[in-house]
Amino acid sequence: MSLSDELFNQIKQLSTNITEENYDARHEQGYDNLIKIKDLGIEQGQAYKLLLKYHNSLEDGLSKEWIADLLDCICGWCAPHKYIWGNREE
């Protein structure tokens, strides 16, 4: 298994126990994993496609909403400084 696969699996694992109390902290962990995925050279479209496939497999609820928030950071539907594949300040 590649490092990018492991990072995607960690995101999926994080999504399994999302609560209102841990939502923001887990979001930061997922966001950090996405930055690592980008730094490995994974293209934006590939990252989005993999996470969207997982998103679409989830039941409605906090976990699905959480993944949607991470998808927003991939495609740029977020604050400019949170757009991972954009011109973030490092």
C-alpha atoms as a PDB file:
ATOM      1  CA  MET A   1       0.000   0.000   0.000  1.00  0.00           C
ATOM      2  CA  SER A   2       1.356   3.409  -0.944  1.00  0.00           C
ATOM      3  CA  LEU A   3       1.712   6.283   1.504  1.00  0.00           C
ATOM      4  CA  SER A   4      -1.081   8.186  -0.261  1.00  0.00           C
ATOM      5  CA  ASP A   5      -3.381   5.159   0.143  1.00  0.00           C
ATOM      6  CA  GLU A   6      -2.509   5.025   3.837  1.00  0.00           C
ATOM      7  CA  LEU A   7      -3.291   8.737   4.212  1.00  0.00           C
ATOM      8  CA  PHE A   8      -6.656   8.324   2.444  1.00  0.00           C
ATOM      9  CA  ASN A   9      -7.411   5.361   4.707  1.00  0.00           C
ATOM     10  CA  GLN A  10      -6.585   7.499   7.753  1.00  0.00           C
ATOM     11  CA  ILE A  11      -9.077  10.108   6.519  1.00  0.00           C
ATOM     12  CA  LYS A  12     -11.717   7.406   6.140  1.00  0.00           C
ATOM     13  CA  GLN A  13     -10.947   6.117   9.632  1.00  0.00           C
ATOM     14  CA  LEU A  14     -11.194   9.623  11.094  1.00  0.00           C
ATOM     15  CA  SER A  15     -14.606  10.012   9.492  1.00  0.00           C
ATOM     16  CA  THR A  16     -16.080   7.004  11.269  1.00  0.00           C
ATOM     17  CA  ASN A  17     -16.533   8.609  14.682  1.00  0.00           C
ATOM     18  CA  ILE A  18     -17.300  12.259  13.966  1.00  0.00           C
ATOM     19  CA  THR A  19     -19.192  14.110  16.682  1.00  0.00           C
ATOM     20  CA  GLU A  20     -20.014  17.771  17.083  1.00  0.00           C
ATOM     21  CA  GLU A  21     -17.388  17.910  19.829  1.00  0.00           C
ATOM     22  CA  ASN A  22     -14.510  16.510  17.752  1.00  0.00           C
ATOM     23  CA  TYR A  23     -15.580  17.815  14.317  1.00  0.00           C
ATOM     24  CA  ASP A  24     -13.104  20.713  14.107  1.00  0.00           C
ATOM     25  CA  ALA A  25     -10.148  18.796  15.539  1.00  0.00           C
ATOM     26  CA  ARG A  26     -10.776  15.899  13.157  1.00  0.00           C
ATOM     27  CA  HIS A  27     -11.136  18.352  10.291  1.00  0.00           C
ATOM     28  CA  GLU A  28      -7.652  19.682  10.989  1.00  0.00           C
ATOM     29  CA  GLN A  29      -6.286  16.113  11.032  1.00  0.00           C
ATOM     30  CA  GLY A  30      -7.984  15.312   7.722  1.00  0.00           C
ATOM     31  CA  TYR A  31      -6.818  18.610   6.250  1.00  0.00           C
ATOM     32  CA  ASP A  32      -3.225  17.861   7.289  1.00  0.00           C
ATOM     33  CA  ASN A  33      -3.473  14.460   5.595  1.00  0.00           C
ATOM     34  CA  LEU A  34      -4.699  16.115   2.390  1.00  0.00           C
ATOM     35  CA  ILE A  35      -1.704  18.467   2.445  1.00  0.00           C
ATOM     36  CA  LYS A  36       0.578  15.426   2.754  1.00  0.00           C
ATOM     37  CA  ILE A  37      -1.270  13.771  -0.138  1.00  0.00           C
ATOM     38  CA  LYS A  38      -0.745  16.871  -2.293  1.00  0.00           C
ATOM     39  CA  ASP A  39       2.917  17.012  -1.272  1.00  0.00           C
ATOM     40  CA  LEU A  40       3.304  13.418  -2.517  1.00  0.00           C
ATOM     41  CA  GLY A  41       2.380  14.673  -5.985  1.00  0.00           C
ATOM     42  CA  ILE A  42      -1.184  13.389  -6.120  1.00  0.00           C
ATOM     43  CA  GLU A  43      -3.136  15.514  -8.561  1.00  0.00           C
ATOM     44  CA  GLN A  44      -6.155  17.506  -7.466  1.00  0.00           C
ATOM     45  CA  GLY A  45      -8.588  15.598  -9.692  1.00  0.00           C
ATOM     46  CA  GLN A  46      -7.386  12.227  -8.471  1.00  0.00           C
ATOM     47  CA  ALA A  47      -7.650  13.231  -4.808  1.00  0.00           C
ATOM     48  CA  TYR A  48     -11.114  14.683  -5.360  1.00  0.00           C
ATOM     49  CA  LYS A  49     -12.330  11.608  -7.236  1.00  0.00           C
ATOM     50  CA  LEU A  50     -11.148   9.200  -4.524  1.00  0.00           C
ATOM     51  CA  LEU A  51     -12.665  11.206  -1.686  1.00  0.00           C
ATOM     52  CA  LEU A  52     -15.909  11.854  -3.600  1.00  0.00           C
ATOM     53  CA  LYS A  53     -16.357   8.133  -4.198  1.00  0.00           C
ATOM     54  CA  TYR A  54     -16.043   7.558  -0.457  1.00  0.00           C
ATOM     55  CA  HIS A  55     -18.374  10.504   0.294  1.00  0.00           C
ATOM     56  CA  ASN A  56     -21.045   9.072  -1.994  1.00  0.00           C
ATOM     57  CA  SER A  57     -20.896   5.735  -0.165  1.00  0.00           C
ATOM     58  CA  LEU A  58     -21.755   7.309   3.205  1.00  0.00           C
ATOM     59  CA  GLU A  59     -25.176   7.707   4.799  1.00  0.00           C
ATOM     60  CA  ASP A  60     -26.313  11.277   5.418  1.00  0.00           C
ATOM     61  CA  GLY A  61     -24.923  12.619   8.673  1.00  0.00           C
ATOM     62  CA  LEU A  62     -21.906  14.256  10.268  1.00  0.00           C
ATOM     63  CA  SER A  63     -19.394  11.904   8.651  1.00  0.00           C
ATOM     64  CA  LYS A  64     -20.675  12.708   5.176  1.00  0.00           C
ATOM     65  CA  GLU A  65     -20.726  16.435   5.987  1.00  0.00           C
ATOM     66  CA  TRP A  66     -17.158  16.191   7.312  1.00  0.00           C
ATOM     67  CA  ILE A  67     -15.921  14.539   4.102  1.00  0.00           C
ATOM     68  CA  ALA A  68     -17.767  17.215   2.095  1.00  0.00           C
ATOM     69  CA  ASP A  69     -15.854  19.889   4.019  1.00  0.00           C
ATOM     70  CA  LEU A  70     -12.586  18.190   3.070  1.00  0.00           C
ATOM     71  CA  LEU A  71     -13.716  17.972  -0.561  1.00  0.00           C
ATOM     72  CA  ASP A  72     -14.258  21.742  -0.434  1.00  0.00           C
ATOM     73  CA  CYS A  73     -10.602  22.164   0.539  1.00  0.00           C
ATOM     74  CA  ILE A  74      -9.590  20.129  -2.509  1.00  0.00           C
ATOM     75  CA  CYS A  75     -11.731  21.940  -5.077  1.00  0.00           C
ATOM     76  CA  GLY A  76     -11.441  25.460  -3.642  1.00  0.00           C
ATOM     77  CA  TRP A  77     -14.988  25.890  -2.325  1.00  0.00           C
ATOM     78  CA  CYS A  78     -13.480  27.273   0.876  1.00  0.00           C
ATOM     79  CA  ALA A  79     -11.535  30.218   2.221  1.00  0.00           C
ATOM     80  CA  PRO A  80      -8.585  30.936  -0.102  1.00  0.00           C
ATOM     81  CA  HIS A  81      -6.005  30.062   2.555  1.00  0.00           C
ATOM     82  CA  LYS A  82      -7.622  26.621   3.049  1.00  0.00           C
ATOM     83  CA  TYR A  83      -7.573  25.725  -0.673  1.00  0.00           C
ATOM     84  CA  ILE A  84      -4.955  22.985  -0.698  1.00  0.00           C
ATOM     85  CA  TRP A  85      -4.320  22.821  -4.442  1.00  0.00           C
ATOM     86  CA  GLY A  86      -4.451  26.607  -4.757  1.00  0.00           C
ATOM     87  CA  ASN A  87      -1.845  29.184  -3.855  1.00  0.00           C
ATOM     88  CA  ARG A  88      -1.676  28.519  -0.124  1.00  0.00           C
ATOM     89  CA  GLU A  89       0.856  30.276   2.034  1.00  0.00           C
ATOM     90  CA  GLU A  90       3.236  27.569   3.216  1.00  0.00           C
END
